[in-house]
Amino acid sequence: MNLIDIQNATVYRGDTCVFDNLTLSIGQSGNTAVIGPNGAGKTTLLKVLNRELYPVRRPDSHVRILGRERWDVWEFRKSLGLVSHDLHTHYLGYVRGIEVVLSGYYASVGVYDYQSFGDSQIERARKLVDWLGVGDIAERLFSTMSTGQQRRFLLGRALIHQPRYLVLDEPTGGLDLKATFQYLDVIRRLMQEGRTILLVTHHIHEIPPEIDRVILMSGGHIVGDGPKHDMLSDDRLSHLFDVPIHVVSANGYYQTLPG
């Protein structure tokens, strides 16, 4: 049983057909990055995985996560945690950091009067923010934090149910170098502890050494899929981004330079 199994999926956003018979499988082990330029279909893929969009219903088409096409939203969040650019952009600024993490229990954006949290849930959230290195600012408002700090609290929100699988959307976008390195270190620790991560990005530098499979996406199609060292080559990336690219690597990381 795969973590993600998409077969012959045709997906629309409004009147635009983004995917036409897309097929993609990702197993439960191994860490994967999906790379592509803007407009490649990465955001649509995330919305499909997060059950915000569904494919056109056909007998030969399905989208299954852990073998299932239908999920209860609460059970789903316990299996798969997601930190997306959309979530970060739309998250409420007046919520305290600790409340951002607690909101993961209800899969809500913010916390509300009708929601209640037990002592064990609050303790779990406190331990998480400490582990993420932001325990000292847990009472601060989300809007007063740096982008890197906000990203850590949103990651804590995704981790609150201790999911084995995580989907991260451009995790270091908008971060300075220090915050980028710190966040990548957290991601690496999660993978080293046994979590399976799917990273969706167009930033080559944010692909950690633990990523072993890379999927190249362009125009709603899979144009490359294989081991990282094969996919992150001059020729493949130059073709993918339609510009001459030279790839360099050091310490398990890759970076791109003008070709």
Protein backbone atom coordinates (compact mmCIF):
# COMPACT_ATOMS: atom_id res chain seq x y z
CA MET A 1 0.00 0.00 0.00
CA ASN A 2 1.42 3.37 -1.04
CA LEU A 3 1.30 6.60 0.90
CA ILE A 4 -0.03 8.33 -2.23
CA ASP A 5 -1.56 6.58 -5.23
CA ILE A 6 -2.93 8.80 -8.01
CA GLN A 7 -4.21 7.07 -11.13
CA ASN A 8 -5.42 8.81 -14.31
CA ALA A 9 -6.53 11.90 -12.37
CA THR A 10 -8.04 14.81 -14.28
CA VAL A 11 -8.27 17.84 -12.00
CA TYR A 12 -9.72 21.27 -12.68
CA ARG A 13 -9.25 24.55 -10.86
CA GLY A 14 -12.22 26.58 -12.00
CA ASP A 15 -12.40 26.17 -15.77
CA THR A 16 -8.71 25.32 -16.08
CA CYS A 17 -7.65 21.69 -16.47
CA VAL A 18 -4.42 21.45 -14.45
CA PHE A 19 -3.95 17.67 -14.54
CA ASP A 20 -5.02 15.47 -17.44
CA ASN A 21 -4.69 11.78 -16.57
CA LEU A 22 -1.99 12.33 -13.94
CA THR A 23 -0.53 9.14 -12.48
CA LEU A 24 1.81 9.25 -9.48
CA SER A 25 2.70 6.82 -6.69
CA ILE A 26 4.77 7.54 -3.58
CA GLY A 27 5.56 4.79 -1.10
CA GLN A 28 5.39 4.87 2.68
CA SER A 29 9.17 4.84 3.09
CA GLY A 30 11.80 7.07 1.58
CA ASN A 31 11.68 10.85 1.34
CA THR A 32 10.63 12.60 -1.86
CA ALA A 33 10.82 16.07 -3.36
CA VAL A 34 8.51 17.37 -6.10
CA ILE A 35 10.20 20.14 -8.07
CA GLY A 36 8.84 22.40 -10.75
CA PRO A 37 8.57 26.01 -11.90
CA ASN A 38 5.63 28.26 -11.08
CA GLY A 39 2.57 26.97 -12.89
CA ALA A 40 3.79 23.38 -12.92
CA GLY A 41 0.82 22.16 -10.87
CA LYS A 42 2.52 21.88 -7.46
CA THR A 43 -0.14 23.89 -5.62
CA THR A 44 -2.91 21.88 -7.25
CA LEU A 45 -1.18 18.66 -6.22
CA LEU A 46 -1.10 19.89 -2.62
CA LYS A 47 -4.81 20.73 -2.73
CA VAL A 48 -5.56 17.25 -4.07
CA LEU A 49 -3.55 15.65 -1.27
CA ASN A 50 -5.23 17.87 1.31
CA ARG A 51 -8.70 16.90 0.00
CA GLU A 52 -9.48 20.44 -1.13
CA LEU A 53 -9.77 19.35 -4.76
CA TYR A 54 -10.99 16.07 -6.24
CA PRO A 55 -10.46 14.53 -9.68
CA VAL A 56 -13.20 14.16 -12.23
CA ARG A 57 -15.04 10.95 -11.29
CA ARG A 58 -14.25 8.15 -13.73
CA PRO A 59 -14.11 4.35 -13.32
CA ASP A 60 -10.38 4.24 -14.13
CA SER A 61 -9.40 7.21 -11.95
CA HIS A 62 -8.69 7.57 -8.24
CA VAL A 63 -6.68 9.42 -5.60
CA ARG A 64 -5.86 7.23 -2.61
CA ILE A 65 -3.89 8.13 0.49
CA LEU A 66 -2.76 5.12 2.50
CA GLY A 67 -5.08 3.00 0.39
CA ARG A 68 -8.22 5.05 1.02
CA GLU A 69 -10.16 7.44 -1.19
CA ARG A 70 -12.38 8.81 1.59
CA TRP A 71 -11.25 10.06 4.97
CA ASP A 72 -12.75 11.59 8.06
CA VAL A 73 -10.90 14.93 8.35
CA TRP A 74 -9.87 14.33 11.98
CA GLU A 75 -8.50 10.88 11.25
CA PHE A 76 -6.79 12.18 8.12
CA ARG A 77 -4.87 14.84 10.07
CA LYS A 78 -3.55 12.15 12.42
CA SER A 79 -2.02 10.32 9.47
CA LEU A 80 -0.73 13.16 7.29
CA GLY A 81 0.49 16.57 8.45
CA LEU A 82 0.70 19.43 5.97
CA VAL A 83 2.34 22.86 6.11
CA SER A 84 1.40 24.86 3.02
CA HIS A 85 2.10 28.34 1.72
CA ASP A 86 -1.66 28.98 1.61
CA LEU A 87 -2.02 28.08 5.29
CA HIS A 88 0.84 30.38 6.24
CA THR A 89 -0.56 33.25 4.17
CA HIS A 90 -4.07 33.01 5.60
CA TYR A 91 -3.33 32.13 9.21
CA LEU A 92 -4.83 34.55 11.75
CA GLY A 93 -2.34 37.06 13.13
CA TYR A 94 -3.98 37.62 16.52
CA VAL A 95 -3.52 34.02 17.69
CA ARG A 96 -0.76 33.26 20.19
CA GLY A 97 1.99 30.87 19.16
CA ILE A 98 0.88 28.10 21.49
CA GLU A 99 -2.66 28.44 20.11
CA VAL A 100 -1.37 27.94 16.58
CA VAL A 101 -0.07 24.53 17.64
CA LEU A 102 -3.22 23.69 19.61
CA SER A 103 -5.41 24.53 16.60
CA GLY A 104 -4.02 21.41 14.96
CA TYR A 105 -6.23 19.30 17.23
CA TYR A 106 -9.27 20.73 15.43
CA ALA A 107 -7.64 21.29 12.01
CA SER A 108 -8.80 24.90 12.38
CA VAL A 109 -7.20 28.22 11.52
CA GLY A 110 -7.03 29.76 14.99
CA VAL A 111 -8.78 28.67 18.18
CA TYR A 112 -12.38 29.38 19.16
CA ASP A 113 -14.49 29.52 22.30
CA TYR A 114 -16.25 26.24 21.57
CA GLN A 115 -12.93 24.37 21.45
CA SER A 116 -11.47 22.89 24.61
CA PHE A 117 -8.06 21.36 25.32
CA GLY A 118 -7.15 18.92 28.05
CA ASP A 119 -4.05 19.15 30.22
CA SER A 120 -2.32 16.41 28.24
CA GLN A 121 -2.99 18.21 24.96
CA ILE A 122 -1.58 21.47 26.28
CA GLU A 123 1.45 19.65 27.69
CA ARG A 124 2.00 18.00 24.31
CA ALA A 125 1.89 21.41 22.59
CA ARG A 126 4.33 22.91 25.11
CA LYS A 127 6.81 20.08 24.56
CA LEU A 128 6.52 20.50 20.81
CA VAL A 129 7.28 24.22 20.81
CA ASP A 130 10.24 23.60 23.10
CA TRP A 131 11.52 20.90 20.74
CA LEU A 132 11.10 23.30 17.82
CA GLY A 133 13.11 25.96 19.65
CA VAL A 134 10.31 28.51 20.02
CA GLY A 135 9.05 27.75 23.52
CA ASP A 136 10.27 31.13 24.79
CA ILE A 137 7.92 33.00 22.43
CA ALA A 138 4.89 30.69 22.70
CA GLU A 139 2.75 33.46 24.21
CA ARG A 140 3.54 36.02 21.52
CA LEU A 141 1.04 36.92 18.81
CA PHE A 142 1.59 35.20 15.48
CA SER A 143 1.61 38.56 13.67
CA THR A 144 4.58 39.82 15.72
CA MET A 145 6.85 36.90 14.82
CA SER A 146 9.41 36.56 12.08
CA THR A 147 8.56 34.34 9.10
CA GLY A 148 10.91 31.65 10.39
CA GLN A 149 9.27 31.64 13.82
CA GLN A 150 5.81 31.48 12.27
CA ARG A 151 6.87 28.52 10.14
CA ARG A 152 7.99 26.60 13.22
CA PHE A 153 4.66 27.08 14.97
CA LEU A 154 2.82 25.93 11.85
CA LEU A 155 5.06 22.87 11.75
CA GLY A 156 4.14 22.25 15.38
CA ARG A 157 0.47 22.46 14.35
CA ALA A 158 1.09 19.74 11.76
CA LEU A 159 3.00 17.59 14.27
CA ILE A 160 0.48 17.80 17.12
CA HIS A 161 -1.12 14.45 16.19
CA GLN A 162 2.32 12.87 15.74
CA PRO A 163 1.71 11.90 12.11
CA ARG A 164 4.20 9.59 10.49
CA TYR A 165 3.92 11.46 7.18
CA LEU A 166 4.47 15.16 6.46
CA VAL A 167 3.93 17.27 3.34
CA LEU A 168 5.93 20.52 3.30
CA ASP A 169 5.32 23.28 0.77
CA GLU A 170 8.43 25.40 0.06
CA PRO A 171 9.47 25.18 3.71
CA THR A 172 12.23 27.82 3.60
CA GLY A 173 10.56 30.32 1.26
CA GLY A 174 10.93 33.84 2.65
CA LEU A 175 13.50 32.86 5.30
CA ASP A 176 16.94 34.40 5.73
CA LEU A 177 20.01 32.17 5.76
CA LYS A 178 20.08 31.56 9.51
CA ALA A 179 16.37 30.73 9.66
CA THR A 180 16.72 28.54 6.55
CA PHE A 181 19.52 26.48 8.08
CA GLN A 182 17.67 26.17 11.39
CA TYR A 183 14.46 25.02 9.70
CA LEU A 184 16.29 22.54 7.48
CA ASP A 185 17.94 21.13 10.60
CA VAL A 186 14.47 20.52 12.12
CA ILE A 187 13.30 18.80 8.92
CA ARG A 188 16.39 16.60 8.90
CA ARG A 189 15.80 15.58 12.53
CA LEU A 190 12.22 14.60 11.68
CA MET A 191 13.41 12.37 8.83
CA GLN A 192 16.18 10.88 10.94
CA GLU A 193 13.57 10.02 13.59
CA GLY A 194 11.65 7.99 11.01
CA ARG A 195 9.05 10.34 9.55
CA THR A 196 8.41 10.21 5.82
CA ILE A 197 8.46 13.63 4.18
CA LEU A 198 7.16 14.85 0.83
CA LEU A 199 8.66 18.23 0.02
CA VAL A 200 7.13 20.38 -2.73
CA THR A 201 9.29 23.24 -3.97
CA HIS A 202 11.10 25.10 -6.72
CA HIS A 203 14.04 25.91 -4.42
CA ILE A 204 16.78 23.34 -5.05
CA HIS A 205 18.80 24.49 -2.03
CA GLU A 206 16.09 23.41 0.44
CA ILE A 207 16.26 19.72 -0.49
CA PRO A 208 17.96 18.01 2.50
CA PRO A 209 20.48 15.18 2.02
CA GLU A 210 17.91 12.68 3.34
CA ILE A 211 15.71 13.19 0.27
CA ASP A 212 16.43 10.27 -2.05
CA ARG A 213 13.77 10.58 -4.79
CA VAL A 214 13.02 13.63 -6.92
CA ILE A 215 9.96 14.10 -9.15
CA LEU A 216 10.11 16.81 -11.83
CA MET A 217 6.80 18.45 -12.74
CA SER A 218 6.00 20.84 -15.57
CA GLY A 219 2.72 21.96 -17.10
CA GLY A 220 0.71 19.50 -15.01
CA HIS A 221 2.80 16.50 -16.13
CA ILE A 222 5.52 14.36 -14.57
CA VAL A 223 8.58 14.94 -16.78
CA GLY A 224 11.16 13.16 -14.64
CA ASP A 225 11.18 10.76 -11.71
CA GLY A 226 14.13 9.01 -10.15
CA PRO A 227 17.08 9.13 -7.76
CA LYS A 228 18.08 12.62 -6.66
CA HIS A 229 21.53 12.53 -8.23
CA ASP A 230 20.00 11.69 -11.62
CA MET A 231 17.22 14.29 -11.52
CA LEU A 232 19.29 17.21 -10.19
CA SER A 233 21.54 17.43 -13.24
CA ASP A 234 22.44 20.36 -15.47
CA ASP A 235 20.50 19.01 -18.42
CA ARG A 236 17.33 18.04 -16.57
CA LEU A 237 17.02 21.24 -14.56
CA SER A 238 17.89 23.42 -17.54
CA HIS A 239 15.09 21.75 -19.48
CA LEU A 240 12.67 21.94 -16.54
CA PHE A 241 13.15 25.65 -15.88
CA ASP A 242 13.85 26.61 -19.51
CA VAL A 243 17.11 28.38 -18.68
CA PRO A 244 20.77 27.21 -18.70
CA ILE A 245 21.57 25.86 -15.22
CA HIS A 246 24.74 24.50 -13.68
CA VAL A 247 24.34 22.33 -10.58
CA VAL A 248 26.89 22.11 -7.79
CA SER A 249 26.73 19.94 -4.69
CA ALA A 250 28.37 19.92 -1.25
CA ASN A 251 27.66 18.02 1.96
CA GLY A 252 24.60 16.35 0.44
CA TYR A 253 22.99 19.64 -0.65
CA TYR A 254 22.55 20.91 -4.20
CA GLN A 255 22.65 24.48 -5.50
CA THR A 256 22.10 26.01 -8.91
CA LEU A 257 24.16 28.59 -10.79
CA PRO A 258 23.62 30.25 -14.16
CA GLY A 259 24.71 27.86 -16.92
